[in-house]
Structure formats: structure tokens, C-alpha cells
Amino acid sequence: MWAEGVESGLDPYLPVETVHSNISTLTRGWRDELSGLMMWLDWSVWIKCIPACGFEVCVIATSII
């Protein structure tokens, strides 16, 4: 998703001459891809930490049974 966004001209630090895709088309595709990934992983929700962890230290607690 990140690479597709950069290649489509959405990264202000790596400008492209023309934007190749419409943002709503990109986000719709990304939403579909994430939904498919969550189904494949058998996740019913996207878990996030509140408050969020620091970027370098993010670990979602899990238990081993």
C-alpha cells in the first residue's frame, strides 16, 4: 500500500510528474485488501494499543496457551 501510494504521487517528499490514480480508488482497493487480509488471518477486529506504543517499541500483548 505504501509503495502504491508513493508510485501514485501521494508522497510529498518523492514527487512524481502526474498522479496516476484517484485517491478514492486507491483507498477503496486498500480497504478491500485489508478486509481480505483480516479474513485470511481470521481476525474479527483490528487491534491497536491505547495509548499507542512508540514506533520502535510497538508490541501487541499475546498469550501462549
N, C-alpha and C. Protein backbone atom coordinates (compact mmCIF):
# COMPACT_ATOMS: atom_id res chain seq x y z
N MET A 1 0.82 -1.18 0.00
CA MET A 1 0.00 0.00 0.00
C MET A 1 0.87 1.25 0.00
N TRP A 2 1.91 1.21 0.82
CA TRP A 2 2.80 2.37 0.87
C TRP A 2 3.43 2.61 -0.51
N ALA A 3 3.95 1.56 -1.10
CA ALA A 3 4.61 1.69 -2.41
C ALA A 3 3.62 2.15 -3.47
N GLU A 4 2.42 1.63 -3.43
CA GLU A 4 1.41 2.04 -4.40
C GLU A 4 1.07 3.52 -4.23
N GLY A 5 1.00 3.98 -2.98
CA GLY A 5 0.75 5.40 -2.73
C GLY A 5 1.88 6.28 -3.24
N VAL A 6 3.12 5.86 -2.99
CA VAL A 6 4.28 6.62 -3.47
C VAL A 6 4.30 6.66 -4.99
N GLU A 7 4.09 5.51 -5.61
CA GLU A 7 4.09 5.45 -7.07
C GLU A 7 2.95 6.24 -7.69
N SER A 8 1.88 6.47 -6.91
CA SER A 8 0.74 7.22 -7.41
C SER A 8 0.89 8.72 -7.17
N GLY A 9 1.99 9.12 -6.54
CA GLY A 9 2.25 10.54 -6.35
C GLY A 9 1.73 11.11 -5.05
N LEU A 10 1.45 10.25 -4.04
CA LEU A 10 0.89 10.73 -2.78
C LEU A 10 1.95 11.11 -1.75
N ASP A 11 3.21 10.86 -2.00
CA ASP A 11 4.27 11.20 -1.05
C ASP A 11 4.86 12.56 -1.44
N PRO A 12 4.71 13.56 -0.55
CA PRO A 12 5.20 14.90 -0.89
C PRO A 12 6.73 14.98 -1.00
N TYR A 13 7.45 14.02 -0.41
CA TYR A 13 8.91 14.04 -0.47
C TYR A 13 9.46 13.36 -1.70
N LEU A 14 8.64 12.59 -2.39
CA LEU A 14 9.05 11.92 -3.62
C LEU A 14 8.05 12.27 -4.72
N PRO A 15 8.08 13.50 -5.17
CA PRO A 15 7.06 13.92 -6.15
C PRO A 15 7.20 13.19 -7.49
N VAL A 16 6.06 12.96 -8.09
CA VAL A 16 6.02 12.38 -9.42
C VAL A 16 5.40 13.45 -10.33
N GLU A 17 5.64 13.36 -11.60
CA GLU A 17 5.13 14.39 -12.50
C GLU A 17 3.61 14.43 -12.53
N THR A 18 2.96 13.27 -12.52
CA THR A 18 1.50 13.24 -12.53
C THR A 18 1.02 12.20 -11.53
N VAL A 19 -0.13 12.45 -10.96
CA VAL A 19 -0.74 11.47 -10.06
C VAL A 19 -1.44 10.45 -10.94
N HIS A 20 -1.06 9.17 -10.77
CA HIS A 20 -1.56 8.13 -11.65
C HIS A 20 -2.93 7.58 -11.25
N SER A 21 -3.34 7.76 -10.00
CA SER A 21 -4.59 7.17 -9.54
C SER A 21 -5.38 8.17 -8.71
N ASN A 22 -6.65 7.97 -8.67
CA ASN A 22 -7.54 8.75 -7.84
C ASN A 22 -7.45 8.22 -6.41
N ILE A 23 -7.39 9.11 -5.42
CA ILE A 23 -7.23 8.68 -4.02
C ILE A 23 -8.39 7.79 -3.56
N SER A 24 -9.61 8.08 -4.00
CA SER A 24 -10.74 7.24 -3.58
C SER A 24 -10.64 5.85 -4.18
N THR A 25 -10.11 5.74 -5.38
CA THR A 25 -9.90 4.42 -5.99
C THR A 25 -8.83 3.65 -5.22
N LEU A 26 -7.75 4.34 -4.85
CA LEU A 26 -6.69 3.70 -4.06
C LEU A 26 -7.22 3.22 -2.71
N THR A 27 -7.89 4.10 -1.98
CA THR A 27 -8.35 3.72 -0.63
C THR A 27 -9.40 2.62 -0.69
N ARG A 28 -10.24 2.61 -1.70
CA ARG A 28 -11.22 1.54 -1.85
C ARG A 28 -10.50 0.20 -2.06
N GLY A 29 -9.47 0.20 -2.90
CA GLY A 29 -8.69 -1.02 -3.13
C GLY A 29 -7.97 -1.46 -1.87
N TRP A 30 -7.39 -0.49 -1.13
CA TRP A 30 -6.69 -0.82 0.12
C TRP A 30 -7.65 -1.38 1.15
N ARG A 31 -8.86 -0.83 1.22
CA ARG A 31 -9.86 -1.34 2.17
C ARG A 31 -10.20 -2.78 1.83
N ASP A 32 -10.37 -3.07 0.55
CA ASP A 32 -10.67 -4.44 0.12
C ASP A 32 -9.50 -5.38 0.44
N GLU A 33 -8.27 -4.93 0.21
CA GLU A 33 -7.10 -5.76 0.50
C GLU A 33 -6.98 -6.03 2.00
N LEU A 34 -7.21 -5.00 2.83
CA LEU A 34 -7.14 -5.20 4.28
C LEU A 34 -8.24 -6.12 4.77
N SER A 35 -9.44 -6.00 4.21
CA SER A 35 -10.54 -6.90 4.59
C SER A 35 -10.19 -8.34 4.25
N GLY A 36 -9.61 -8.53 3.07
CA GLY A 36 -9.19 -9.88 2.68
C GLY A 36 -8.10 -10.43 3.58
N LEU A 37 -7.14 -9.57 3.96
CA LEU A 37 -6.07 -9.99 4.87
C LEU A 37 -6.65 -10.37 6.23
N MET A 38 -7.57 -9.56 6.75
CA MET A 38 -8.16 -9.86 8.05
C MET A 38 -8.96 -11.16 8.02
N MET A 39 -9.65 -11.42 6.90
CA MET A 39 -10.36 -12.71 6.78
C MET A 39 -9.37 -13.86 6.75
N TRP A 40 -8.29 -13.71 5.98
CA TRP A 40 -7.29 -14.76 5.87
C TRP A 40 -6.63 -15.04 7.22
N LEU A 41 -6.37 -13.97 8.00
CA LEU A 41 -5.77 -14.12 9.32
C LEU A 41 -6.78 -14.57 10.37
N ASP A 42 -8.07 -14.57 10.01
CA ASP A 42 -9.17 -14.90 10.91
C ASP A 42 -9.24 -13.90 12.07
N TRP A 43 -9.06 -12.62 11.74
CA TRP A 43 -9.19 -11.55 12.72
C TRP A 43 -10.56 -10.91 12.55
N SER A 44 -11.28 -10.71 13.64
CA SER A 44 -12.58 -10.05 13.55
C SER A 44 -12.44 -8.54 13.74
N VAL A 45 -11.37 -8.09 14.40
CA VAL A 45 -11.15 -6.66 14.62
C VAL A 45 -9.68 -6.34 14.41
N TRP A 46 -9.39 -5.07 14.15
CA TRP A 46 -8.02 -4.60 14.04
C TRP A 46 -7.63 -4.09 15.41
N ILE A 47 -6.68 -4.74 16.06
CA ILE A 47 -6.28 -4.39 17.42
C ILE A 47 -5.27 -3.26 17.40
N LYS A 48 -5.45 -2.29 18.30
CA LYS A 48 -4.48 -1.22 18.43
C LYS A 48 -4.33 -0.87 19.90
N CYS A 49 -3.19 -0.40 20.25
CA CYS A 49 -2.90 -0.03 21.63
C CYS A 49 -3.43 1.37 21.92
N ILE A 50 -4.03 1.54 23.09
CA ILE A 50 -4.47 2.86 23.54
C ILE A 50 -3.93 3.05 24.94
N PRO A 51 -2.99 3.95 25.15
CA PRO A 51 -2.37 4.83 24.17
C PRO A 51 -1.42 4.04 23.29
N ALA A 52 -1.16 4.60 22.14
CA ALA A 52 -0.30 3.92 21.16
C ALA A 52 1.13 3.78 21.67
N CYS A 53 1.76 2.67 21.32
CA CYS A 53 3.17 2.45 21.67
C CYS A 53 4.04 3.37 20.82
N GLY A 54 5.28 3.55 21.24
CA GLY A 54 6.23 4.26 20.40
C GLY A 54 6.51 3.44 19.16
N PHE A 55 6.90 4.08 18.08
CA PHE A 55 7.11 3.40 16.80
C PHE A 55 8.11 2.25 16.91
N GLU A 56 9.20 2.46 17.65
CA GLU A 56 10.24 1.45 17.71
C GLU A 56 9.90 0.30 18.66
N VAL A 57 8.90 0.48 19.52
CA VAL A 57 8.67 -0.48 20.59
C VAL A 57 7.29 -1.14 20.52
N CYS A 58 6.56 -0.96 19.47
CA CYS A 58 5.18 -1.43 19.40
C CYS A 58 5.12 -2.96 19.45
N VAL A 59 4.45 -3.47 20.48
CA VAL A 59 4.25 -4.92 20.62
C VAL A 59 2.85 -5.12 21.18
N ILE A 60 2.01 -5.86 20.48
CA ILE A 60 0.68 -6.17 20.98
C ILE A 60 0.80 -7.40 21.86
N ALA A 61 0.31 -7.29 23.08
CA ALA A 61 0.42 -8.39 24.03
C ALA A 61 -0.34 -9.61 23.52
N THR A 62 0.27 -10.77 23.63
CA THR A 62 -0.36 -12.02 23.26
C THR A 62 -0.10 -13.03 24.38
N SER A 63 -0.92 -14.04 24.43
CA SER A 63 -0.67 -15.09 25.43
C SER A 63 -0.47 -16.40 24.68
N ILE A 64 0.40 -17.21 25.22
CA ILE A 64 0.68 -18.52 24.62
C ILE A 64 -0.07 -19.56 25.46
N ILE A 65 -0.89 -20.31 24.81
CA ILE A 65 -1.68 -21.33 25.52
C ILE A 65 -1.04 -22.69 25.33
